Amino acid sequence: MGTSTKAVTDADFEAEVLKSAQPVLVDFWATWCGPCKMLGPVLEEIASEAEGIAIVKINVDESPATPGKYGIRSIPTLMIFKNGEVVATKVGAQPKAAIQAWIKENA
């Protein structure tokens, strides 16, 4: 059984994502973003069911350095990191099945 999503910030991004022993899906989001709000519960469901991948959320307004570093231009943007590197990126809200398939392909 998995866990729930975890909030990360610029301050702990390296420790939580880049140095993670397992793949990490990062959700770049903001409170004012409608599609982000729709995606939140989907990611919570996936986090509770998924094995072998951590799912974290970073608020682009509260932690602007990290999205800037990764060239985030629109949100929501999902990125899968493995061994400190971005291995896959998806922009926009996606249905649960599409996200699960994307995780399976890339994690």
N, C-alpha and C. Protein backbone atom coordinates (compact mmCIF):
# COMPACT_ATOMS: atom_id res chain seq x y z
N MET A 1 0.85 -1.19 0.00
CA MET A 1 0.00 0.00 0.00
C MET A 1 0.88 1.25 0.00
N GLY A 2 0.56 2.20 -0.82
CA GLY A 2 1.34 3.42 -0.93
C GLY A 2 1.05 4.39 0.20
N THR A 3 1.34 5.64 -0.05
CA THR A 3 1.15 6.69 0.95
C THR A 3 0.34 7.80 0.31
N SER A 4 0.39 8.99 0.90
CA SER A 4 -0.27 10.14 0.29
C SER A 4 0.81 11.03 -0.32
N THR A 5 0.36 12.05 -1.04
CA THR A 5 1.33 12.98 -1.63
C THR A 5 1.94 13.81 -0.52
N LYS A 6 3.12 14.32 -0.78
CA LYS A 6 3.85 15.10 0.22
C LYS A 6 4.20 16.45 -0.39
N ALA A 7 4.08 17.52 0.40
CA ALA A 7 4.46 18.85 -0.08
C ALA A 7 5.97 19.03 0.08
N VAL A 8 6.61 19.55 -0.96
CA VAL A 8 8.04 19.89 -0.86
C VAL A 8 8.21 21.35 -1.23
N THR A 9 9.36 21.90 -0.88
CA THR A 9 9.67 23.31 -1.15
C THR A 9 11.03 23.40 -1.83
N ASP A 10 11.41 24.62 -2.22
CA ASP A 10 12.75 24.82 -2.76
C ASP A 10 13.80 24.29 -1.78
N ALA A 11 13.56 24.49 -0.48
CA ALA A 11 14.54 24.13 0.55
C ALA A 11 14.80 22.63 0.65
N ASP A 12 13.75 21.80 0.49
CA ASP A 12 13.96 20.35 0.66
C ASP A 12 13.82 19.56 -0.63
N PHE A 13 13.73 20.25 -1.78
CA PHE A 13 13.57 19.57 -3.06
C PHE A 13 14.72 18.60 -3.34
N GLU A 14 15.94 19.06 -3.10
CA GLU A 14 17.10 18.21 -3.37
C GLU A 14 17.06 16.93 -2.54
N ALA A 15 16.82 17.08 -1.25
CA ALA A 15 16.79 15.92 -0.35
C ALA A 15 15.63 14.98 -0.68
N GLU A 16 14.45 15.54 -0.94
CA GLU A 16 13.24 14.72 -1.13
C GLU A 16 13.13 14.13 -2.54
N VAL A 17 13.65 14.84 -3.53
CA VAL A 17 13.47 14.41 -4.93
C VAL A 17 14.77 13.95 -5.57
N LEU A 18 15.75 14.84 -5.60
CA LEU A 18 16.98 14.54 -6.33
C LEU A 18 17.80 13.43 -5.68
N LYS A 19 17.73 13.31 -4.36
CA LYS A 19 18.50 12.28 -3.66
C LYS A 19 17.66 11.08 -3.25
N SER A 20 16.44 11.01 -3.74
CA SER A 20 15.55 9.90 -3.40
C SER A 20 16.07 8.60 -4.00
N ALA A 21 15.97 7.52 -3.24
CA ALA A 21 16.40 6.21 -3.72
C ALA A 21 15.40 5.64 -4.72
N GLN A 22 14.15 6.11 -4.66
CA GLN A 22 13.13 5.62 -5.59
C GLN A 22 12.71 6.74 -6.53
N PRO A 23 12.07 6.38 -7.66
CA PRO A 23 11.57 7.43 -8.55
C PRO A 23 10.57 8.33 -7.82
N VAL A 24 10.53 9.58 -8.24
CA VAL A 24 9.62 10.56 -7.63
C VAL A 24 8.86 11.29 -8.73
N LEU A 25 7.53 11.33 -8.60
CA LEU A 25 6.69 12.12 -9.48
C LEU A 25 6.48 13.46 -8.78
N VAL A 26 6.83 14.55 -9.46
CA VAL A 26 6.67 15.88 -8.90
C VAL A 26 5.54 16.59 -9.62
N ASP A 27 4.59 17.11 -8.84
CA ASP A 27 3.46 17.89 -9.36
C ASP A 27 3.76 19.37 -9.08
N PHE A 28 4.02 20.13 -10.16
CA PHE A 28 4.21 21.58 -10.03
C PHE A 28 2.81 22.19 -10.14
N TRP A 29 2.36 22.92 -9.10
CA TRP A 29 0.98 23.39 -9.04
C TRP A 29 0.90 24.75 -8.34
N ALA A 30 -0.31 25.31 -8.33
CA ALA A 30 -0.60 26.55 -7.58
C ALA A 30 -2.05 26.53 -7.13
N THR A 31 -2.34 27.26 -6.06
CA THR A 31 -3.69 27.27 -5.49
C THR A 31 -4.72 27.86 -6.45
N TRP A 32 -4.32 28.80 -7.32
CA TRP A 32 -5.26 29.47 -8.22
C TRP A 32 -5.51 28.69 -9.52
N CYS A 33 -4.85 27.55 -9.68
CA CYS A 33 -4.92 26.79 -10.93
C CYS A 33 -6.03 25.75 -10.87
N GLY A 34 -7.09 25.95 -11.67
CA GLY A 34 -8.23 25.04 -11.70
C GLY A 34 -7.87 23.60 -12.04
N PRO A 35 -7.15 23.39 -13.16
CA PRO A 35 -6.76 22.02 -13.50
C PRO A 35 -5.90 21.35 -12.42
N CYS A 36 -5.10 22.16 -11.71
CA CYS A 36 -4.28 21.61 -10.62
C CYS A 36 -5.19 21.05 -9.52
N LYS A 37 -6.28 21.77 -9.24
CA LYS A 37 -7.21 21.33 -8.20
C LYS A 37 -7.90 20.03 -8.61
N MET A 38 -8.17 19.87 -9.91
CA MET A 38 -8.78 18.63 -10.39
C MET A 38 -7.79 17.47 -10.30
N LEU A 39 -6.53 17.76 -10.53
CA LEU A 39 -5.49 16.73 -10.55
C LEU A 39 -5.12 16.25 -9.14
N GLY A 40 -5.25 17.13 -8.15
CA GLY A 40 -4.87 16.79 -6.78
C GLY A 40 -5.43 15.49 -6.26
N PRO A 41 -6.77 15.32 -6.29
CA PRO A 41 -7.36 14.07 -5.78
C PRO A 41 -6.93 12.84 -6.58
N VAL A 42 -6.71 13.01 -7.87
CA VAL A 42 -6.25 11.91 -8.73
C VAL A 42 -4.87 11.44 -8.26
N LEU A 43 -3.98 12.42 -8.01
CA LEU A 43 -2.63 12.07 -7.55
C LEU A 43 -2.66 11.44 -6.17
N GLU A 44 -3.57 11.89 -5.31
CA GLU A 44 -3.71 11.28 -3.97
C GLU A 44 -4.09 9.80 -4.12
N GLU A 45 -5.04 9.52 -5.02
CA GLU A 45 -5.46 8.13 -5.26
C GLU A 45 -4.29 7.30 -5.76
N ILE A 46 -3.57 7.84 -6.75
CA ILE A 46 -2.44 7.11 -7.31
C ILE A 46 -1.38 6.88 -6.24
N ALA A 47 -1.11 7.89 -5.41
CA ALA A 47 -0.11 7.75 -4.34
C ALA A 47 -0.50 6.65 -3.36
N SER A 48 -1.79 6.53 -3.09
CA SER A 48 -2.23 5.52 -2.12
C SER A 48 -2.15 4.11 -2.69
N GLU A 49 -2.17 4.00 -4.03
CA GLU A 49 -2.15 2.68 -4.67
C GLU A 49 -0.77 2.29 -5.21
N ALA A 50 0.04 3.27 -5.54
CA ALA A 50 1.31 3.00 -6.24
C ALA A 50 2.37 2.45 -5.31
N GLU A 51 3.17 1.56 -5.84
CA GLU A 51 4.33 1.01 -5.13
C GLU A 51 5.56 1.48 -5.86
N GLY A 52 6.62 1.80 -5.13
CA GLY A 52 7.89 2.07 -5.76
C GLY A 52 8.06 3.45 -6.36
N ILE A 53 7.12 4.36 -6.11
CA ILE A 53 7.29 5.74 -6.56
C ILE A 53 6.70 6.67 -5.50
N ALA A 54 7.41 7.75 -5.24
CA ALA A 54 6.90 8.77 -4.31
C ALA A 54 6.23 9.86 -5.15
N ILE A 55 5.20 10.48 -4.62
CA ILE A 55 4.53 11.58 -5.32
C ILE A 55 4.57 12.80 -4.41
N VAL A 56 5.18 13.87 -4.92
CA VAL A 56 5.30 15.11 -4.16
C VAL A 56 4.71 16.27 -4.96
N LYS A 57 4.32 17.31 -4.23
CA LYS A 57 3.75 18.52 -4.85
C LYS A 57 4.60 19.71 -4.46
N ILE A 58 4.85 20.59 -5.42
CA ILE A 58 5.57 21.82 -5.11
C ILE A 58 4.75 23.00 -5.61
N ASN A 59 4.44 23.92 -4.69
CA ASN A 59 3.66 25.10 -5.02
C ASN A 59 4.58 26.11 -5.70
N VAL A 60 4.29 26.43 -6.98
CA VAL A 60 5.18 27.29 -7.76
C VAL A 60 5.23 28.72 -7.25
N ASP A 61 4.19 29.15 -6.53
CA ASP A 61 4.18 30.50 -5.98
C ASP A 61 5.02 30.60 -4.71
N GLU A 62 4.97 29.55 -3.89
CA GLU A 62 5.71 29.55 -2.64
C GLU A 62 7.17 29.15 -2.83
N SER A 63 7.45 28.39 -3.86
CA SER A 63 8.81 27.91 -4.14
C SER A 63 9.14 28.14 -5.61
N PRO A 64 9.44 29.39 -6.00
CA PRO A 64 9.63 29.70 -7.42
C PRO A 64 10.97 29.27 -8.02
N ALA A 65 11.98 29.01 -7.20
CA ALA A 65 13.30 28.69 -7.73
C ALA A 65 13.32 27.35 -8.47
N THR A 66 12.69 26.33 -7.89
CA THR A 66 12.72 25.00 -8.50
C THR A 66 11.99 24.97 -9.84
N PRO A 67 10.75 25.49 -9.94
CA PRO A 67 10.10 25.51 -11.26
C PRO A 67 10.92 26.28 -12.29
N GLY A 68 11.56 27.36 -11.86
CA GLY A 68 12.40 28.14 -12.76
C GLY A 68 13.56 27.32 -13.29
N LYS A 69 14.16 26.56 -12.40
CA LYS A 69 15.30 25.71 -12.75
C LYS A 69 14.93 24.67 -13.80
N TYR A 70 13.70 24.17 -13.73
CA TYR A 70 13.25 23.12 -14.65
C TYR A 70 12.41 23.64 -15.80
N GLY A 71 12.35 24.97 -15.96
CA GLY A 71 11.67 25.57 -17.11
C GLY A 71 10.17 25.36 -17.14
N ILE A 72 9.55 25.32 -15.97
CA ILE A 72 8.10 25.14 -15.90
C ILE A 72 7.42 26.40 -16.41
N ARG A 73 6.64 26.28 -17.50
CA ARG A 73 5.97 27.42 -18.09
C ARG A 73 4.46 27.40 -17.87
N SER A 74 3.90 26.22 -17.73
CA SER A 74 2.46 26.13 -17.46
C SER A 74 2.23 25.03 -16.43
N ILE A 75 1.14 25.18 -15.70
CA ILE A 75 0.84 24.20 -14.67
C ILE A 75 -0.59 23.70 -14.86
N PRO A 76 -0.91 22.49 -14.43
CA PRO A 76 0.02 21.59 -13.76
C PRO A 76 1.03 20.99 -14.73
N THR A 77 2.24 20.81 -14.25
CA THR A 77 3.26 20.03 -14.96
C THR A 77 3.69 18.92 -14.03
N LEU A 78 3.73 17.71 -14.56
CA LEU A 78 4.20 16.55 -13.81
C LEU A 78 5.56 16.14 -14.38
N MET A 79 6.49 15.83 -13.50
CA MET A 79 7.80 15.34 -13.92
C MET A 79 8.14 14.12 -13.09
N ILE A 80 8.73 13.13 -13.75
CA ILE A 80 9.25 11.97 -13.02
C ILE A 80 10.76 12.10 -12.97
N PHE A 81 11.29 12.03 -11.76
CA PHE A 81 12.73 12.10 -11.53
C PHE A 81 13.23 10.72 -11.13
N LYS A 82 14.36 10.31 -11.71
CA LYS A 82 15.03 9.07 -11.32
C LYS A 82 16.51 9.39 -11.15
N ASN A 83 17.06 9.02 -10.03
CA ASN A 83 18.48 9.27 -9.76
C ASN A 83 18.85 10.74 -9.99
N GLY A 84 17.96 11.65 -9.59
CA GLY A 84 18.24 13.08 -9.67
C GLY A 84 18.04 13.69 -11.04
N GLU A 85 17.57 12.91 -12.01
CA GLU A 85 17.38 13.42 -13.37
C GLU A 85 15.91 13.34 -13.78
N VAL A 86 15.48 14.30 -14.60
CA VAL A 86 14.12 14.25 -15.15
C VAL A 86 14.10 13.20 -16.24
N VAL A 87 13.21 12.20 -16.13
CA VAL A 87 13.11 11.18 -17.16
C VAL A 87 11.84 11.31 -17.99
N ALA A 88 10.85 12.05 -17.49
CA ALA A 88 9.61 12.23 -18.24
C ALA A 88 8.87 13.47 -17.74
N THR A 89 8.16 14.13 -18.66
CA THR A 89 7.39 15.33 -18.33
C THR A 89 6.03 15.25 -19.00
N LYS A 90 4.99 15.66 -18.28
CA LYS A 90 3.63 15.72 -18.81
C LYS A 90 3.04 17.05 -18.37
N VAL A 91 2.46 17.80 -19.31
CA VAL A 91 1.86 19.09 -18.98
C VAL A 91 0.35 18.98 -19.09
N GLY A 92 -0.34 19.55 -18.10
CA GLY A 92 -1.81 19.57 -18.12
C GLY A 92 -2.40 18.45 -17.28
N ALA A 93 -3.66 18.63 -16.90
CA ALA A 93 -4.36 17.62 -16.12
C ALA A 93 -4.65 16.43 -17.03
N GLN A 94 -4.44 15.25 -16.51
CA GLN A 94 -4.64 14.01 -17.26
C GLN A 94 -5.56 13.10 -16.47
N PRO A 95 -6.28 12.19 -17.15
CA PRO A 95 -7.08 11.21 -16.41
C PRO A 95 -6.17 10.23 -15.66
N LYS A 96 -6.73 9.64 -14.61
CA LYS A 96 -5.96 8.75 -13.75
C LYS A 96 -5.27 7.63 -14.54
N ALA A 97 -6.00 6.98 -15.45
CA ALA A 97 -5.44 5.86 -16.20
C ALA A 97 -4.24 6.30 -17.04
N ALA A 98 -4.32 7.50 -17.61
CA ALA A 98 -3.22 8.01 -18.44
C ALA A 98 -1.98 8.26 -17.58
N ILE A 99 -2.18 8.80 -16.37
CA ILE A 99 -1.06 9.06 -15.47
C ILE A 99 -0.44 7.75 -15.01
N GLN A 100 -1.30 6.77 -14.68
CA GLN A 100 -0.79 5.48 -14.23
C GLN A 100 0.04 4.80 -15.33
N ALA A 101 -0.44 4.87 -16.57
CA ALA A 101 0.29 4.27 -17.70
C ALA A 101 1.62 4.98 -17.90
N TRP A 102 1.61 6.30 -17.77
CA TRP A 102 2.81 7.11 -17.92
C TRP A 102 3.84 6.77 -16.84
N ILE A 103 3.36 6.58 -15.60
CA ILE A 103 4.25 6.19 -14.50
C ILE A 103 4.87 4.83 -14.81
N LYS A 104 4.03 3.89 -15.25
CA LYS A 104 4.51 2.54 -15.53
C LYS A 104 5.60 2.56 -16.62
N GLU A 105 5.42 3.40 -17.62
CA GLU A 105 6.39 3.50 -18.70
C GLU A 105 7.72 4.10 -18.25
N ASN A 106 7.66 5.01 -17.27
CA ASN A 106 8.83 5.84 -16.96
C ASN A 106 9.47 5.63 -15.60
N ALA A 107 8.78 5.00 -14.67
CA ALA A 107 9.31 4.94 -13.30
C ALA A 107 10.20 3.74 -13.05
